[in-house]
Amino acid sequence: MAEHLSDEEQLENLKRWWKENGLFTIAAIVLCIGGYFGWDNWKANQQQKMETASELYQQMMEVAIVEPGQKANDTQHRLVNELATQLKEEFGSSQYARYGALLVAKLAVEKNDLDAAAEQLRWALDDADEGLSLVIKLRLAKVEASRDNIDLAISMLNGIDAQTLSSAYAEARGDFYLMKGDKVAAYEAYKQASELATDIDSRVAPVLELKLNQVTPVSESVQGSSSQNSSEGDA
């Protein structure tokens, strides 16, 4: 009898607890289940957005295709700009929108519209991932140098860990210093670019060598020539 009463008491306690806490328990379960499916749907939605953004960028690249040595015509410029605008408006936070801005900037440079190119590159730089931001900074610096903002261009590339682009950054600084007529600084930058060049940069080695020869100090040229003559004499 005592055990029977104990069971009834436990049942009453369970009923009382369920009455007090059951609603919250059900709500927690619903939220957990809803949260799981909500997160799953969100991920699927994000994936769909990225696929659509990728398709738009692919369309941009296809529109911009030209024969070697040719430049995009007015119709291509218009279509590329329209697609880039759509990318910005609908997928502005994506990296594809930034790729689109870089393509628009490239076409603007071909038309010598440096102001438009700089505007596109500045927009693309905002929220770009680390690797892409290094590419954008390099291109923007070159555009600024072409706009006669050479000191600004140099400052944009100084003090940056350019990682795999270190040689390209140093070469660009050399170009900028040469534009200023500072051959000493240009020589040091080109020399650094040559030292930082990797196997991937090997194709630009002949260009770097030409640039170095263009700004090599006379003393080093004479010293190099003397060493060569001495070696030939010993032979």
Protein backbone atom coordinates (compact mmCIF):
# COMPACT_ATOMS: atom_id res chain seq x y z
CA MET A 1 0.00 0.00 0.00
CA ALA A 2 2.81 2.32 0.91
CA GLU A 3 4.51 1.57 -2.40
CA HIS A 4 1.23 2.23 -4.27
CA LEU A 5 0.86 5.60 -2.57
CA SER A 6 4.50 6.37 -3.43
CA ASP A 7 3.81 5.69 -7.09
CA GLU A 8 0.76 7.94 -7.00
CA GLU A 9 2.77 10.66 -5.34
CA GLN A 10 5.44 10.38 -8.01
CA LEU A 11 2.78 10.56 -10.71
CA GLU A 12 1.27 13.65 -9.10
CA ASN A 13 4.70 15.22 -8.87
CA LEU A 14 5.32 14.46 -12.56
CA LYS A 15 1.97 15.99 -13.52
CA ARG A 16 2.72 19.04 -11.43
CA TRP A 17 6.21 19.43 -13.01
CA TRP A 18 4.83 18.97 -16.52
CA LYS A 19 2.14 21.56 -15.85
CA GLU A 20 4.77 24.03 -14.67
CA ASN A 21 7.55 23.22 -17.16
CA GLY A 22 6.06 21.22 -20.01
CA LEU A 23 5.33 24.24 -22.20
CA PHE A 24 8.91 25.44 -21.92
CA THR A 25 10.19 21.95 -22.72
CA ILE A 26 8.08 21.74 -25.86
CA ALA A 27 9.16 25.24 -26.87
CA ALA A 28 12.82 24.32 -26.42
CA ILE A 29 12.43 21.21 -28.55
CA VAL A 30 10.60 23.16 -31.25
CA LEU A 31 13.29 25.84 -31.24
CA CYS A 32 16.06 23.26 -31.50
CA ILE A 33 14.38 21.48 -34.38
CA GLY A 34 13.44 24.76 -36.06
CA GLY A 35 16.95 26.09 -35.56
CA TYR A 36 18.48 23.02 -37.18
CA PHE A 37 16.26 23.18 -40.24
CA GLY A 38 16.53 26.96 -40.31
CA TRP A 39 20.34 26.77 -40.36
CA ASP A 40 20.18 24.09 -43.04
CA ASN A 41 17.89 26.26 -45.17
CA TRP A 42 20.12 29.29 -44.62
CA LYS A 43 23.17 27.38 -45.82
CA ALA A 44 21.29 26.16 -48.88
CA ASN A 45 20.15 29.72 -49.60
CA GLN A 46 23.70 31.06 -49.28
CA GLN A 47 24.98 28.35 -51.61
CA GLN A 48 22.34 29.28 -54.16
CA LYS A 49 23.31 32.94 -53.93
CA MET A 50 26.98 32.15 -54.49
CA GLU A 51 26.13 30.00 -57.50
CA THR A 52 24.04 32.81 -59.00
CA ALA A 53 26.80 35.36 -58.32
CA SER A 54 29.32 33.03 -59.93
CA GLU A 55 27.12 32.68 -63.01
CA LEU A 56 26.83 36.47 -63.34
CA TYR A 57 30.59 36.87 -63.13
CA GLN A 58 31.05 34.12 -65.69
CA GLN A 59 28.73 36.03 -68.01
CA MET A 60 30.86 39.15 -67.50
CA MET A 61 34.02 37.32 -68.51
CA GLU A 62 32.35 35.83 -71.58
CA VAL A 63 31.06 39.24 -72.66
CA ALA A 64 34.53 40.77 -72.24
CA ILE A 65 36.33 38.22 -74.44
CA VAL A 66 38.21 39.83 -77.34
CA GLU A 67 40.67 38.68 -79.95
CA PRO A 68 44.40 39.01 -79.07
CA GLY A 69 45.54 42.60 -79.50
CA GLN A 70 41.97 43.92 -79.58
CA LYS A 71 40.02 45.92 -77.00
CA ALA A 72 36.45 45.61 -75.84
CA ASN A 73 33.95 47.70 -77.81
CA ASP A 74 31.30 50.04 -76.43
CA THR A 75 28.62 47.32 -76.38
CA GLN A 76 30.88 45.04 -74.35
CA HIS A 77 31.66 47.85 -71.93
CA ARG A 78 27.97 48.55 -71.45
CA LEU A 79 27.02 44.92 -70.85
CA VAL A 80 29.92 44.32 -68.48
CA ASN A 81 29.00 47.40 -66.46
CA GLU A 82 25.35 46.33 -66.29
CA LEU A 83 26.29 42.87 -65.00
CA ALA A 84 28.74 44.40 -62.52
CA THR A 85 26.02 46.69 -61.21
CA GLN A 86 23.69 43.72 -60.79
CA LEU A 87 26.39 41.85 -58.89
CA LYS A 88 26.90 44.79 -56.55
CA GLU A 89 23.19 45.33 -55.94
CA GLU A 90 22.22 41.69 -55.41
CA PHE A 91 25.44 40.12 -54.10
CA GLY A 92 27.45 43.09 -52.87
CA SER A 93 29.01 41.18 -49.98
CA SER A 94 30.37 38.41 -52.21
CA GLN A 95 33.90 38.16 -53.57
CA TYR A 96 32.38 37.70 -57.04
CA ALA A 97 31.13 41.29 -56.89
CA ARG A 98 34.72 42.32 -56.25
CA TYR A 99 35.99 40.22 -59.15
CA GLY A 100 33.43 42.00 -61.28
CA ALA A 101 34.68 45.40 -60.12
CA LEU A 102 38.23 44.40 -61.05
CA LEU A 103 37.09 43.47 -64.55
CA VAL A 104 35.28 46.79 -64.94
CA ALA A 105 38.42 48.58 -63.73
CA LYS A 106 40.56 46.70 -66.27
CA LEU A 107 38.29 47.76 -69.13
CA ALA A 108 38.25 51.33 -67.80
CA VAL A 109 42.07 51.41 -67.88
CA GLU A 110 41.97 50.25 -71.49
CA LYS A 111 39.79 53.28 -72.25
CA ASN A 112 42.17 55.47 -70.21
CA ASP A 113 39.32 56.26 -67.81
CA LEU A 114 41.58 56.14 -64.76
CA ASP A 115 39.11 57.88 -62.44
CA ALA A 116 36.50 55.18 -63.08
CA ALA A 117 39.13 52.46 -62.64
CA ALA A 118 40.25 53.89 -59.30
CA GLU A 119 36.64 54.13 -58.11
CA GLN A 120 35.97 50.49 -58.95
CA LEU A 121 39.16 49.30 -57.27
CA ARG A 122 38.49 51.27 -54.09
CA TRP A 123 35.04 49.72 -53.88
CA ALA A 124 36.45 46.25 -54.46
CA LEU A 125 39.08 46.75 -51.75
CA ASP A 126 36.39 47.13 -49.11
CA ASP A 127 35.71 43.72 -47.49
CA ALA A 128 37.92 41.84 -49.97
CA ASP A 129 39.59 38.74 -48.59
CA GLU A 130 43.31 38.92 -47.80
CA GLY A 131 44.64 37.41 -50.99
CA LEU A 132 42.38 39.44 -53.26
CA SER A 133 43.07 42.66 -51.37
CA LEU A 134 46.79 42.32 -52.18
CA VAL A 135 45.96 42.12 -55.89
CA ILE A 136 43.60 45.08 -55.66
CA LYS A 137 46.12 47.27 -53.80
CA LEU A 138 48.75 46.56 -56.44
CA ARG A 139 46.40 47.46 -59.30
CA LEU A 140 45.09 50.54 -57.51
CA ALA A 141 48.65 51.74 -56.86
CA LYS A 142 49.45 51.41 -60.56
CA VAL A 143 46.32 53.37 -61.46
CA GLU A 144 47.22 56.11 -58.97
CA ALA A 145 50.74 56.31 -60.41
CA SER A 146 49.24 56.68 -63.88
CA ARG A 147 47.13 59.53 -62.47
CA ASP A 148 50.41 61.21 -61.42
CA ASN A 149 49.82 60.38 -57.75
CA ILE A 150 53.19 58.66 -57.59
CA ASP A 151 54.01 59.32 -53.93
CA LEU A 152 50.59 57.96 -52.98
CA ALA A 153 51.20 54.89 -55.12
CA ILE A 154 54.53 54.22 -53.41
CA SER A 155 53.06 54.66 -49.94
CA MET A 156 50.26 52.22 -50.77
CA LEU A 157 52.80 49.43 -51.34
CA ASN A 158 55.22 50.20 -48.52
CA GLY A 159 55.18 48.22 -45.28
CA ILE A 160 52.92 45.46 -46.60
CA ASP A 161 53.58 41.74 -46.34
CA ALA A 162 52.69 40.97 -49.93
CA GLN A 163 53.40 37.23 -49.53
CA THR A 164 53.48 35.60 -52.98
CA LEU A 165 53.20 39.03 -54.59
CA SER A 166 56.30 40.42 -52.87
CA SER A 167 58.34 40.45 -56.08
CA ALA A 168 55.53 42.15 -58.02
CA TYR A 169 55.16 44.77 -55.28
CA ALA A 170 58.89 45.52 -55.32
CA GLU A 171 58.91 45.75 -59.13
CA ALA A 172 55.97 48.17 -59.06
CA ARG A 173 57.78 50.37 -56.52
CA GLY A 174 60.78 50.36 -58.86
CA ASP A 175 58.54 51.52 -61.71
CA PHE A 176 57.13 54.30 -59.56
CA TYR A 177 60.56 55.52 -58.43
CA LEU A 178 61.71 55.50 -62.05
CA MET A 179 58.67 57.61 -62.96
CA LYS A 180 59.90 60.09 -60.34
CA GLY A 181 63.39 60.03 -61.82
CA ASP A 182 64.89 58.41 -58.70
CA LYS A 183 67.07 55.78 -60.34
CA VAL A 184 68.87 54.87 -57.11
CA ALA A 185 65.63 53.93 -55.34
CA ALA A 186 64.38 52.25 -58.52
CA TYR A 187 67.54 50.14 -58.69
CA GLU A 188 67.14 49.00 -55.07
CA ALA A 189 63.48 48.11 -55.66
CA TYR A 190 64.21 46.18 -58.85
CA LYS A 191 67.09 44.38 -57.14
CA GLN A 192 64.76 43.39 -54.32
CA ALA A 193 62.16 42.22 -56.83
CA SER A 194 64.77 40.05 -58.52
CA GLU A 195 65.85 38.55 -55.19
CA LEU A 196 62.25 37.85 -54.16
CA ALA A 197 61.27 36.30 -57.48
CA THR A 198 60.17 32.68 -57.24
CA ASP A 199 59.86 29.96 -59.83
CA ILE A 200 56.36 31.26 -60.51
CA ASP A 201 57.85 34.68 -61.33
CA SER A 202 60.52 33.21 -63.64
CA ARG A 203 58.71 34.44 -66.74
CA VAL A 204 59.26 38.05 -65.65
CA ALA A 205 62.96 37.54 -64.91
CA PRO A 206 64.10 38.87 -68.33
CA VAL A 207 61.97 41.99 -67.85
CA LEU A 208 63.42 42.58 -64.38
CA GLU A 209 66.93 42.17 -65.77
CA LEU A 210 66.26 44.80 -68.42
CA LYS A 211 64.87 47.18 -65.83
CA LEU A 212 67.87 46.61 -63.55
CA ASN A 213 70.29 47.30 -66.40
CA GLN A 214 68.42 50.50 -67.12
CA VAL A 215 69.07 51.91 -63.63
CA THR A 216 72.26 50.10 -62.54
CA PRO A 217 74.67 52.65 -61.01
CA VAL A 218 77.72 53.42 -63.18
CA SER A 219 80.14 52.23 -60.47
CA GLU A 220 78.54 48.78 -60.38
CA SER A 221 78.43 48.58 -64.16
CA VAL A 222 82.15 49.37 -64.37
CA GLN A 223 82.92 46.90 -61.59
CA GLY A 224 80.90 44.19 -63.30
CA SER A 225 82.63 44.88 -66.61
CA SER A 226 86.09 44.78 -64.97
CA SER A 227 85.30 41.46 -63.32
CA GLN A 228 84.16 40.04 -66.62
CA ASN A 229 87.31 41.22 -68.42
CA SER A 230 89.48 39.81 -65.65
CA SER A 231 87.81 36.45 -65.94
CA GLU A 232 88.30 36.43 -69.70
CA GLY A 233 91.98 37.32 -69.22
CA ASP A 234 92.51 34.50 -66.75
CA ALA A 235 90.90 32.12 -69.18
